[in-house]
Amino acid sequence: MDFTSIPIIVVCSYLVGEMYKLIFQHKPNAYKFIPVVTPIVGGILGIAIFLTAPELLGAQTIWNALLLGIVSGASATGANQIIKKIFNKGENKNDNS
C-alpha cells in the first residue's frame, strides 16, 4: 500500500483553490466556496489516480479512492489556514475570527 499520491492531491487541490481566488479576486463573496471546491477537486483527482494507477493510491475500490481524494482535498483548505495564520501571526491579535 503506497500513499505517495495523497500529498500530490493535497498540493493540486491547494493550487486549484489559489487559482479560484485569483479568478474571483473581485468577488470576495465567492471565497466561501473554496472549502467546497477543494474536496471536489480532490475527489476527482482520487478517482483519476485510481483509474490510471491504482497502486499509487492504495485504495481497493473506487469509493475508497473517492473518499481519500475528498479528505485530501479538504486538508488543502486546512493547509491554507495554517499558512495564513503563520504569515499573519502578529498582525491581527485583536481579531477573534
PDB file of N, CA and C in Angstrom:
ATOM      1  N   MET A   1       0.843  -1.168   0.000  1.00  0.00           N
ATOM      2  CA  MET A   1       0.000   0.000   0.000  1.00  0.00           C
ATOM      3  C   MET A   1       0.894   1.239   0.000  1.00  0.00           C
ATOM      4  N   ASP A   2       0.767   2.034  -1.030  1.00  0.00           N
ATOM      5  CA  ASP A   2       1.627   3.195  -1.202  1.00  0.00           C
ATOM      6  C   ASP A   2       0.762   4.451  -1.262  1.00  0.00           C
ATOM      7  N   PHE A   3       0.970   5.364  -0.335  1.00  0.00           N
ATOM      8  CA  PHE A   3       0.155   6.566  -0.256  1.00  0.00           C
ATOM      9  C   PHE A   3       0.899   7.798  -0.769  1.00  0.00           C
ATOM     10  N   THR A   4       1.747   7.642  -1.760  1.00  0.00           N
ATOM     11  CA  THR A   4       2.514   8.791  -2.255  1.00  0.00           C
ATOM     12  C   THR A   4       1.657   9.794  -3.002  1.00  0.00           C
ATOM     13  N   SER A   5       0.509   9.385  -3.479  1.00  0.00           N
ATOM     14  CA  SER A   5      -0.314  10.309  -4.263  1.00  0.00           C
ATOM     15  C   SER A   5      -1.150  11.235  -3.382  1.00  0.00           C
ATOM     16  N   ILE A   6      -1.293  10.940  -2.102  1.00  0.00           N
ATOM     17  CA  ILE A   6      -2.103  11.797  -1.236  1.00  0.00           C
ATOM     18  C   ILE A   6      -1.508  13.197  -1.111  1.00  0.00           C
ATOM     19  N   PRO A   7      -0.201  13.372  -0.869  1.00  0.00           N
ATOM     20  CA  PRO A   7       0.340  14.742  -0.864  1.00  0.00           C
ATOM     21  C   PRO A   7       0.201  15.439  -2.221  1.00  0.00           C
ATOM     22  N   ILE A   8       0.229  14.671  -3.287  1.00  0.00           N
ATOM     23  CA  ILE A   8       0.040  15.259  -4.614  1.00  0.00           C
ATOM     24  C   ILE A   8      -1.376  15.805  -4.743  1.00  0.00           C
ATOM     25  N   ILE A   9      -2.366  15.061  -4.234  1.00  0.00           N
ATOM     26  CA  ILE A   9      -3.756  15.524  -4.276  1.00  0.00           C
ATOM     27  C   ILE A   9      -3.914  16.780  -3.425  1.00  0.00           C
ATOM     28  N   VAL A  10      -3.275  16.808  -2.259  1.00  0.00           N
ATOM     29  CA  VAL A  10      -3.360  17.981  -1.380  1.00  0.00           C
ATOM     30  C   VAL A  10      -2.773  19.208  -2.081  1.00  0.00           C
ATOM     31  N   VAL A  11      -1.611  19.062  -2.668  1.00  0.00           N
ATOM     32  CA  VAL A  11      -0.957  20.203  -3.337  1.00  0.00           C
ATOM     33  C   VAL A  11      -1.769  20.663  -4.544  1.00  0.00           C
ATOM     34  N   CYS A  12      -2.252  19.732  -5.348  1.00  0.00           N
ATOM     35  CA  CYS A  12      -3.051  20.108  -6.518  1.00  0.00           C
ATOM     36  C   CYS A  12      -4.349  20.792  -6.105  1.00  0.00           C
ATOM     37  N   SER A  13      -5.001  20.291  -5.069  1.00  0.00           N
ATOM     38  CA  SER A  13      -6.229  20.920  -4.580  1.00  0.00           C
ATOM     39  C   SER A  13      -5.942  22.318  -4.033  1.00  0.00           C
ATOM     40  N   TYR A  14      -4.824  22.457  -3.324  1.00  0.00           N
ATOM     41  CA  TYR A  14      -4.433  23.769  -2.807  1.00  0.00           C
ATOM     42  C   TYR A  14      -4.209  24.752  -3.959  1.00  0.00           C
ATOM     43  N   LEU A  15      -3.521  24.301  -4.999  1.00  0.00           N
ATOM     44  CA  LEU A  15      -3.268  25.179  -6.142  1.00  0.00           C
ATOM     45  C   LEU A  15      -4.552  25.558  -6.870  1.00  0.00           C
ATOM     46  N   VAL A  16      -5.487  24.628  -6.972  1.00  0.00           N
ATOM     47  CA  VAL A  16      -6.778  24.950  -7.589  1.00  0.00           C
ATOM     48  C   VAL A  16      -7.518  25.972  -6.731  1.00  0.00           C
ATOM     49  N   GLY A  17      -7.451  25.839  -5.410  1.00  0.00           N
ATOM     50  CA  GLY A  17      -8.061  26.827  -4.530  1.00  0.00           C
ATOM     51  C   GLY A  17      -7.443  28.204  -4.691  1.00  0.00           C
ATOM     52  N   GLU A  18      -6.132  28.255  -4.858  1.00  0.00           N
ATOM     53  CA  GLU A  18      -5.465  29.541  -5.088  1.00  0.00           C
ATOM     54  C   GLU A  18      -5.841  30.131  -6.453  1.00  0.00           C
ATOM     55  N   MET A  19      -5.953  29.284  -7.464  1.00  0.00           N
ATOM     56  CA  MET A  19      -6.396  29.767  -8.779  1.00  0.00           C
ATOM     57  C   MET A  19      -7.836  30.270  -8.713  1.00  0.00           C
ATOM     58  N   TYR A  20      -8.669  29.596  -7.929  1.00  0.00           N
ATOM     59  CA  TYR A  20     -10.048  30.031  -7.732  1.00  0.00           C
ATOM     60  C   TYR A  20     -10.076  31.431  -7.127  1.00  0.00           C
ATOM     61  N   LYS A  21      -9.190  31.676  -6.140  1.00  0.00           N
ATOM     62  CA  LYS A  21      -9.117  33.015  -5.548  1.00  0.00           C
ATOM     63  C   LYS A  21      -8.667  34.056  -6.559  1.00  0.00           C
ATOM     64  N   LEU A  22      -7.740  33.696  -7.434  1.00  0.00           N
ATOM     65  CA  LEU A  22      -7.292  34.641  -8.462  1.00  0.00           C
ATOM     66  C   LEU A  22      -8.393  34.943  -9.471  1.00  0.00           C
ATOM     67  N   ILE A  23      -9.144  33.929  -9.830  1.00  0.00           N
ATOM     68  CA  ILE A  23     -10.224  34.128 -10.803  1.00  0.00           C
ATOM     69  C   ILE A  23     -11.316  35.020 -10.226  1.00  0.00           C
ATOM     70  N   PHE A  24     -11.662  34.800  -8.960  1.00  0.00           N
ATOM     71  CA  PHE A  24     -12.741  35.552  -8.322  1.00  0.00           C
ATOM     72  C   PHE A  24     -12.214  36.581  -7.334  1.00  0.00           C
ATOM     73  N   GLN A  25     -11.082  37.222  -7.643  1.00  0.00           N
ATOM     74  CA  GLN A  25     -10.476  38.155  -6.704  1.00  0.00           C
ATOM     75  C   GLN A  25     -11.315  39.411  -6.495  1.00  0.00           C
ATOM     76  N   HIS A  26     -12.173  39.756  -7.438  1.00  0.00           N
ATOM     77  CA  HIS A  26     -13.012  40.948  -7.282  1.00  0.00           C
ATOM     78  C   HIS A  26     -14.379  40.607  -6.702  1.00  0.00           C
ATOM     79  N   LYS A  27     -14.587  39.328  -6.361  1.00  0.00           N
ATOM     80  CA  LYS A  27     -15.843  38.889  -5.753  1.00  0.00           C
ATOM     81  C   LYS A  27     -15.529  38.111  -4.473  1.00  0.00           C
ATOM     82  N   PRO A  28     -15.249  38.815  -3.380  1.00  0.00           N
ATOM     83  CA  PRO A  28     -14.870  38.124  -2.137  1.00  0.00           C
ATOM     84  C   PRO A  28     -15.972  37.214  -1.589  1.00  0.00           C
ATOM     85  N   ASN A  29     -17.223  37.411  -1.996  1.00  0.00           N
ATOM     86  CA  ASN A  29     -18.292  36.523  -1.548  1.00  0.00           C
ATOM     87  C   ASN A  29     -18.116  35.115  -2.114  1.00  0.00           C
ATOM     88  N   ALA A  30     -17.408  34.992  -3.220  1.00  0.00           N
ATOM     89  CA  ALA A  30     -17.177  33.680  -3.827  1.00  0.00           C
ATOM     90  C   ALA A  30     -16.127  32.878  -3.059  1.00  0.00           C
ATOM     91  N   TYR A  31     -15.367  33.536  -2.178  1.00  0.00           N
ATOM     92  CA  TYR A  31     -14.330  32.832  -1.414  1.00  0.00           C
ATOM     93  C   TYR A  31     -14.913  31.787  -0.470  1.00  0.00           C
ATOM     94  N   LYS A  32     -16.174  31.944  -0.089  1.00  0.00           N
ATOM     95  CA  LYS A  32     -16.769  30.994   0.845  1.00  0.00           C
ATOM     96  C   LYS A  32     -16.977  29.621   0.218  1.00  0.00           C
ATOM     97  N   PHE A  33     -16.834  29.510  -1.094  1.00  0.00           N
ATOM     98  CA  PHE A  33     -16.999  28.231  -1.769  1.00  0.00           C
ATOM     99  C   PHE A  33     -15.690  27.458  -1.908  1.00  0.00           C
ATOM    100  N   ILE A  34     -14.580  28.038  -1.519  1.00  0.00           N
ATOM    101  CA  ILE A  34     -13.294  27.345  -1.624  1.00  0.00           C
ATOM    102  C   ILE A  34     -13.269  26.058  -0.802  1.00  0.00           C
ATOM    103  N   PRO A  35     -13.811  26.023   0.431  1.00  0.00           N
ATOM    104  CA  PRO A  35     -13.832  24.743   1.158  1.00  0.00           C
ATOM    105  C   PRO A  35     -14.709  23.680   0.510  1.00  0.00           C
ATOM    106  N   VAL A  36     -15.531  24.053  -0.446  1.00  0.00           N
ATOM    107  CA  VAL A  36     -16.330  23.078  -1.189  1.00  0.00           C
ATOM    108  C   VAL A  36     -15.600  22.658  -2.468  1.00  0.00           C
ATOM    109  N   VAL A  37     -14.902  23.601  -3.077  1.00  0.00           N
ATOM    110  CA  VAL A  37     -14.217  23.333  -4.341  1.00  0.00           C
ATOM    111  C   VAL A  37     -13.039  22.378  -4.152  1.00  0.00           C
ATOM    112  N   THR A  38     -12.249  22.579  -3.111  1.00  0.00           N
ATOM    113  CA  THR A  38     -11.048  21.754  -2.939  1.00  0.00           C
ATOM    114  C   THR A  38     -11.359  20.277  -2.683  1.00  0.00           C
ATOM    115  N   PRO A  39     -12.369  19.917  -1.870  1.00  0.00           N
ATOM    116  CA  PRO A  39     -12.679  18.481  -1.760  1.00  0.00           C
ATOM    117  C   PRO A  39     -13.234  17.880  -3.057  1.00  0.00           C
ATOM    118  N   ILE A  40     -13.971  18.672  -3.826  1.00  0.00           N
ATOM    119  CA  ILE A  40     -14.475  18.168  -5.108  1.00  0.00           C
ATOM    120  C   ILE A  40     -13.306  17.877  -6.039  1.00  0.00           C
ATOM    121  N   VAL A  41     -12.362  18.784  -6.100  1.00  0.00           N
ATOM    122  CA  VAL A  41     -11.166  18.574  -6.926  1.00  0.00           C
ATOM    123  C   VAL A  41     -10.386  17.366  -6.423  1.00  0.00           C
ATOM    124  N   GLY A  42     -10.259  17.243  -5.108  1.00  0.00           N
ATOM    125  CA  GLY A  42      -9.567  16.095  -4.530  1.00  0.00           C
ATOM    126  C   GLY A  42     -10.253  14.787  -4.873  1.00  0.00           C
ATOM    127  N   GLY A  43     -11.578  14.757  -4.814  1.00  0.00           N
ATOM    128  CA  GLY A  43     -12.317  13.556  -5.170  1.00  0.00           C
ATOM    129  C   GLY A  43     -12.129  13.173  -6.624  1.00  0.00           C
ATOM    130  N   ILE A  44     -12.150  14.159  -7.493  1.00  0.00           N
ATOM    131  CA  ILE A  44     -11.926  13.899  -8.924  1.00  0.00           C
ATOM    132  C   ILE A  44     -10.515  13.373  -9.159  1.00  0.00           C
ATOM    133  N   LEU A  45      -9.540  13.977  -8.494  1.00  0.00           N
ATOM    134  CA  LEU A  45      -8.159  13.504  -8.630  1.00  0.00           C
ATOM    135  C   LEU A  45      -7.982  12.100  -8.056  1.00  0.00           C
ATOM    136  N   GLY A  46      -8.648  11.816  -6.934  1.00  0.00           N
ATOM    137  CA  GLY A  46      -8.570  10.483  -6.350  1.00  0.00           C
ATOM    138  C   GLY A  46      -9.104   9.418  -7.293  1.00  0.00           C
ATOM    139  N   ILE A  47     -10.235   9.702  -7.927  1.00  0.00           N
ATOM    140  CA  ILE A  47     -10.801   8.754  -8.896  1.00  0.00           C
ATOM    141  C   ILE A  47      -9.893   8.630 -10.111  1.00  0.00           C
ATOM    142  N   ALA A  48      -9.360   9.759 -10.592  1.00  0.00           N
ATOM    143  CA  ALA A  48      -8.482   9.720 -11.762  1.00  0.00           C
ATOM    144  C   ALA A  48      -7.222   8.901 -11.482  1.00  0.00           C
ATOM    145  N   ILE A  49      -6.646   9.070 -10.316  1.00  0.00           N
ATOM    146  CA  ILE A  49      -5.449   8.297  -9.966  1.00  0.00           C
ATOM    147  C   ILE A  49      -5.797   6.819  -9.821  1.00  0.00           C
ATOM    148  N   PHE A  50      -6.951   6.525  -9.220  1.00  0.00           N
ATOM    149  CA  PHE A  50      -7.362   5.132  -9.061  1.00  0.00           C
ATOM    150  C   PHE A  50      -7.570   4.461 -10.422  1.00  0.00           C
ATOM    151  N   LEU A  51      -8.133   5.177 -11.368  1.00  0.00           N
ATOM    152  CA  LEU A  51      -8.395   4.588 -12.680  1.00  0.00           C
ATOM    153  C   LEU A  51      -7.137   4.449 -13.523  1.00  0.00           C
ATOM    154  N   THR A  52      -6.156   5.312 -13.309  1.00  0.00           N
ATOM    155  CA  THR A  52      -4.938   5.245 -14.124  1.00  0.00           C
ATOM    156  C   THR A  52      -3.838   4.410 -13.480  1.00  0.00           C
ATOM    157  N   ALA A  53      -3.649   4.560 -12.176  1.00  0.00           N
ATOM    158  CA  ALA A  53      -2.585   3.824 -11.479  1.00  0.00           C
ATOM    159  C   ALA A  53      -3.056   3.493 -10.069  1.00  0.00           C
ATOM    160  N   PRO A  54      -3.885   2.459  -9.899  1.00  0.00           N
ATOM    161  CA  PRO A  54      -4.468   2.184  -8.573  1.00  0.00           C
ATOM    162  C   PRO A  54      -3.445   1.833  -7.497  1.00  0.00           C
ATOM    163  N   GLU A  55      -2.274   1.352  -7.875  1.00  0.00           N
ATOM    164  CA  GLU A  55      -1.266   1.002  -6.869  1.00  0.00           C
ATOM    165  C   GLU A  55      -0.681   2.234  -6.181  1.00  0.00           C
ATOM    166  N   LEU A  56      -0.794   3.408  -6.787  1.00  0.00           N
ATOM    167  CA  LEU A  56      -0.265   4.631  -6.177  1.00  0.00           C
ATOM    168  C   LEU A  56      -1.131   5.126  -5.030  1.00  0.00           C
ATOM    169  N   LEU A  57      -2.426   4.909  -5.113  1.00  0.00           N
ATOM    170  CA  LEU A  57      -3.334   5.460  -4.113  1.00  0.00           C
ATOM    171  C   LEU A  57      -3.536   4.522  -2.937  1.00  0.00           C
ATOM    172  N   GLY A  58      -3.457   3.240  -3.151  1.00  0.00           N
ATOM    173  CA  GLY A  58      -3.635   2.282  -2.072  1.00  0.00           C
ATOM    174  C   GLY A  58      -5.086   2.009  -1.738  1.00  0.00           C
ATOM    175  N   ALA A  59      -6.006   2.338  -2.615  1.00  0.00           N
ATOM    176  CA  ALA A  59      -7.427   2.100  -2.384  1.00  0.00           C
ATOM    177  C   ALA A  59      -7.852   0.827  -3.121  1.00  0.00           C
ATOM    178  N   GLN A  60      -8.751   0.065  -2.482  1.00  0.00           N
ATOM    179  CA  GLN A  60      -9.210  -1.176  -3.093  1.00  0.00           C
ATOM    180  C   GLN A  60     -10.403  -0.956  -4.023  1.00  0.00           C
ATOM    181  N   THR A  61     -11.234   0.039  -3.749  1.00  0.00           N
ATOM    182  CA  THR A  61     -12.402   0.319  -4.586  1.00  0.00           C
ATOM    183  C   THR A  61     -12.399   1.780  -4.998  1.00  0.00           C
ATOM    184  N   ILE A  62     -13.254   2.083  -5.938  1.00  0.00           N
ATOM    185  CA  ILE A  62     -13.355   3.469  -6.406  1.00  0.00           C
ATOM    186  C   ILE A  62     -13.937   4.369  -5.310  1.00  0.00           C
ATOM    187  N   TRP A  63     -14.777   3.799  -4.437  1.00  0.00           N
ATOM    188  CA  TRP A  63     -15.346   4.577  -3.336  1.00  0.00           C
ATOM    189  C   TRP A  63     -14.276   4.953  -2.320  1.00  0.00           C
ATOM    190  N   ASN A  64     -13.353   4.035  -2.069  1.00  0.00           N
ATOM    191  CA  ASN A  64     -12.228   4.364  -1.185  1.00  0.00           C
ATOM    192  C   ASN A  64     -11.352   5.447  -1.798  1.00  0.00           C
ATOM    193  N   ALA A  65     -11.146   5.370  -3.110  1.00  0.00           N
ATOM    194  CA  ALA A  65     -10.358   6.391  -3.801  1.00  0.00           C
ATOM    195  C   ALA A  65     -11.051   7.743  -3.732  1.00  0.00           C
ATOM    196  N   LEU A  66     -12.383   7.728  -3.897  1.00  0.00           N
ATOM    197  CA  LEU A  66     -13.142   8.975  -3.804  1.00  0.00           C
ATOM    198  C   LEU A  66     -13.029   9.566  -2.403  1.00  0.00           C
ATOM    199  N   LEU A  67     -13.163   8.734  -1.384  1.00  0.00           N
ATOM    200  CA  LEU A  67     -13.063   9.209  -0.007  1.00  0.00           C
ATOM    201  C   LEU A  67     -11.671   9.748   0.312  1.00  0.00           C
ATOM    202  N   LEU A  68     -10.629   9.030  -0.109  1.00  0.00           N
ATOM    203  CA  LEU A  68      -9.258   9.530   0.106  1.00  0.00           C
ATOM    204  C   LEU A  68      -9.032  10.852  -0.605  1.00  0.00           C
ATOM    205  N   GLY A  69      -9.578  10.985  -1.810  1.00  0.00           N
ATOM    206  CA  GLY A  69      -9.441  12.236  -2.552  1.00  0.00           C
ATOM    207  C   GLY A  69     -10.166  13.384  -1.891  1.00  0.00           C
ATOM    208  N   ILE A  70     -11.384  13.133  -1.399  1.00  0.00           N
ATOM    209  CA  ILE A  70     -12.154  14.188  -0.742  1.00  0.00           C
ATOM    210  C   ILE A  70     -11.461  14.648   0.540  1.00  0.00           C
ATOM    211  N   VAL A  71     -10.989  13.706   1.330  1.00  0.00           N
ATOM    212  CA  VAL A  71     -10.300  14.066   2.572  1.00  0.00           C
ATOM    213  C   VAL A  71      -8.989  14.804   2.270  1.00  0.00           C
ATOM    214  N   SER A  72      -8.278  14.353   1.251  1.00  0.00           N
ATOM    215  CA  SER A  72      -7.034  15.039   0.874  1.00  0.00           C
ATOM    216  C   SER A  72      -7.319  16.440   0.362  1.00  0.00           C
ATOM    217  N   GLY A  73      -8.377  16.604  -0.413  1.00  0.00           N
ATOM    218  CA  GLY A  73      -8.751  17.932  -0.898  1.00  0.00           C
ATOM    219  C   GLY A  73      -9.177  18.846   0.230  1.00  0.00           C
ATOM    220  N   ALA A  74      -9.903  18.302   1.212  1.00  0.00           N
ATOM    221  CA  ALA A  74     -10.316  19.109   2.356  1.00  0.00           C
ATOM    222  C   ALA A  74      -9.116  19.522   3.204  1.00  0.00           C
ATOM    223  N   SER A  75      -8.101  18.679   3.257  1.00  0.00           N
ATOM    224  CA  SER A  75      -6.913  19.046   4.032  1.00  0.00           C
ATOM    225  C   SER A  75      -6.151  20.194   3.372  1.00  0.00           C
ATOM    226  N   ALA A  76      -6.374  20.425   2.088  1.00  0.00           N
ATOM    227  CA  ALA A  76      -5.759  21.571   1.428  1.00  0.00           C
ATOM    228  C   ALA A  76      -6.308  22.872   1.999  1.00  0.00           C
ATOM    229  N   THR A  77      -7.589  22.883   2.370  1.00  0.00           N
ATOM    230  CA  THR A  77      -8.168  24.067   3.000  1.00  0.00           C
ATOM    231  C   THR A  77      -7.541  24.293   4.370  1.00  0.00           C
ATOM    232  N   GLY A  78      -7.333  23.218   5.112  1.00  0.00           N
ATOM    233  CA  GLY A  78      -6.662  23.337   6.404  1.00  0.00           C
ATOM    234  C   GLY A  78      -5.232  23.813   6.258  1.00  0.00           C
ATOM    235  N   ALA A  79      -4.549  23.318   5.237  1.00  0.00           N
ATOM    236  CA  ALA A  79      -3.176  23.772   4.988  1.00  0.00           C
ATOM    237  C   ALA A  79      -3.151  25.261   4.658  1.00  0.00           C
ATOM    238  N   ASN A  80      -4.146  25.721   3.917  1.00  0.00           N
ATOM    239  CA  ASN A  80      -4.241  27.140   3.590  1.00  0.00           C
ATOM    240  C   ASN A  80      -4.407  27.960   4.857  1.00  0.00           C
ATOM    241  N   GLN A  81      -5.250  27.503   5.777  1.00  0.00           N
ATOM    242  CA  GLN A  81      -5.458  28.244   7.019  1.00  0.00           C
ATOM    243  C   GLN A  81      -4.208  28.251   7.896  1.00  0.00           C
ATOM    244  N   ILE A  82      -3.487  27.145   7.917  1.00  0.00           N
ATOM    245  CA  ILE A  82      -2.239  27.098   8.683  1.00  0.00           C
ATOM    246  C   ILE A  82      -1.224  28.083   8.115  1.00  0.00           C
ATOM    247  N   ILE A  83      -1.081  28.094   6.798  1.00  0.00           N
ATOM    248  CA  ILE A  83      -0.140  29.019   6.152  1.00  0.00           C
ATOM    249  C   ILE A  83      -0.559  30.458   6.412  1.00  0.00           C
ATOM    250  N   LYS A  84      -1.857  30.729   6.315  1.00  0.00           N
ATOM    251  CA  LYS A  84      -2.353  32.081   6.553  1.00  0.00           C
ATOM    252  C   LYS A  84      -2.059  32.530   7.982  1.00  0.00           C
ATOM    253  N   LYS A  85      -2.271  31.661   8.960  1.00  0.00           N
ATOM    254  CA  LYS A  85      -2.018  32.015  10.356  1.00  0.00           C
ATOM    255  C   LYS A  85      -0.532  32.185  10.652  1.00  0.00           C
ATOM    256  N   ILE A  86       0.313  31.404  10.006  1.00  0.00           N
ATOM    257  CA  ILE A  86       1.752  31.533  10.227  1.00  0.00           C
ATOM    258  C   ILE A  86       2.264  32.878   9.729  1.00  0.00           C
ATOM    259  N   PHE A  87       1.828  33.283   8.533  1.00  0.00           N
ATOM    260  CA  PHE A  87       2.343  34.524   7.968  1.00  0.00           C
ATOM    261  C   PHE A  87       1.640  35.768   8.485  1.00  0.00           C
ATOM    262  N   ASN A  88       0.487  35.626   9.113  1.00  0.00           N
ATOM    263  CA  ASN A  88      -0.217  36.768   9.693  1.00  0.00           C
ATOM    264  C   ASN A  88      -0.266  36.679  11.209  1.00  0.00           C
ATOM    265  N   LYS A  89       0.699  35.998  11.810  1.00  0.00           N
ATOM    266  CA  LYS A  89       0.617  35.709  13.242  1.00  0.00           C
ATOM    267  C   LYS A  89       0.681  36.939  14.124  1.00  0.00           C
ATOM    268  N   GLY A  90       1.335  38.006  13.713  1.00  0.00           N
ATOM    269  CA  GLY A  90       1.453  39.170  14.573  1.00  0.00           C
ATOM    270  C   GLY A  90       0.563  40.331  14.185  1.00  0.00           C
ATOM    271  N   GLU A  91      -0.146  40.227  13.084  1.00  0.00           N
ATOM    272  CA  GLU A  91      -0.884  41.369  12.569  1.00  0.00           C
ATOM    273  C   GLU A  91      -2.260  41.539  13.197  1.00  0.00           C
ATOM    274  N   ASN A  92      -3.003  40.458  13.410  1.00  0.00           N
ATOM    275  CA  ASN A  92      -4.392  40.567  13.866  1.00  0.00           C
ATOM    276  C   ASN A  92      -4.563  39.929  15.240  1.00  0.00           C
ATOM    277  N   LYS A  93      -3.934  40.483  16.236  1.00  0.00           N
ATOM    278  CA  LYS A  93      -4.033  39.889  17.574  1.00  0.00           C
ATOM    279  C   LYS A  93      -5.394  40.114  18.205  1.00  0.00           C
ATOM    280  N   ASN A  94      -6.064  41.210  17.877  1.00  0.00           N
ATOM    281  CA  ASN A  94      -7.369  41.502  18.460  1.00  0.00           C
ATOM    282  C   ASN A  94      -8.519  40.932  17.657  1.00  0.00           C
ATOM    283  N   ASP A  95      -8.247  40.331  16.529  1.00  0.00           N
ATOM    284  CA  ASP A  95      -9.282  39.755  15.664  1.00  0.00           C
ATOM    285  C   ASP A  95      -9.634  38.362  16.162  1.00  0.00           C
ATOM    286  N   ASN A  96     -10.874  38.120  16.512  1.00  0.00           N
ATOM    287  CA  ASN A  96     -11.296  36.833  17.040  1.00  0.00           C
ATOM    288  C   ASN A  96     -11.830  35.893  15.976  1.00  0.00           C
ATOM    289  N   SER A  97     -11.776  36.249  14.722  1.00  0.00           N
ATOM    290  CA  SER A  97     -12.314  35.376  13.677  1.00  0.00           C
ATOM    291  C   SER A  97     -11.276  34.516  13.038  1.00  0.00           C
TER     292      SER A  97
END
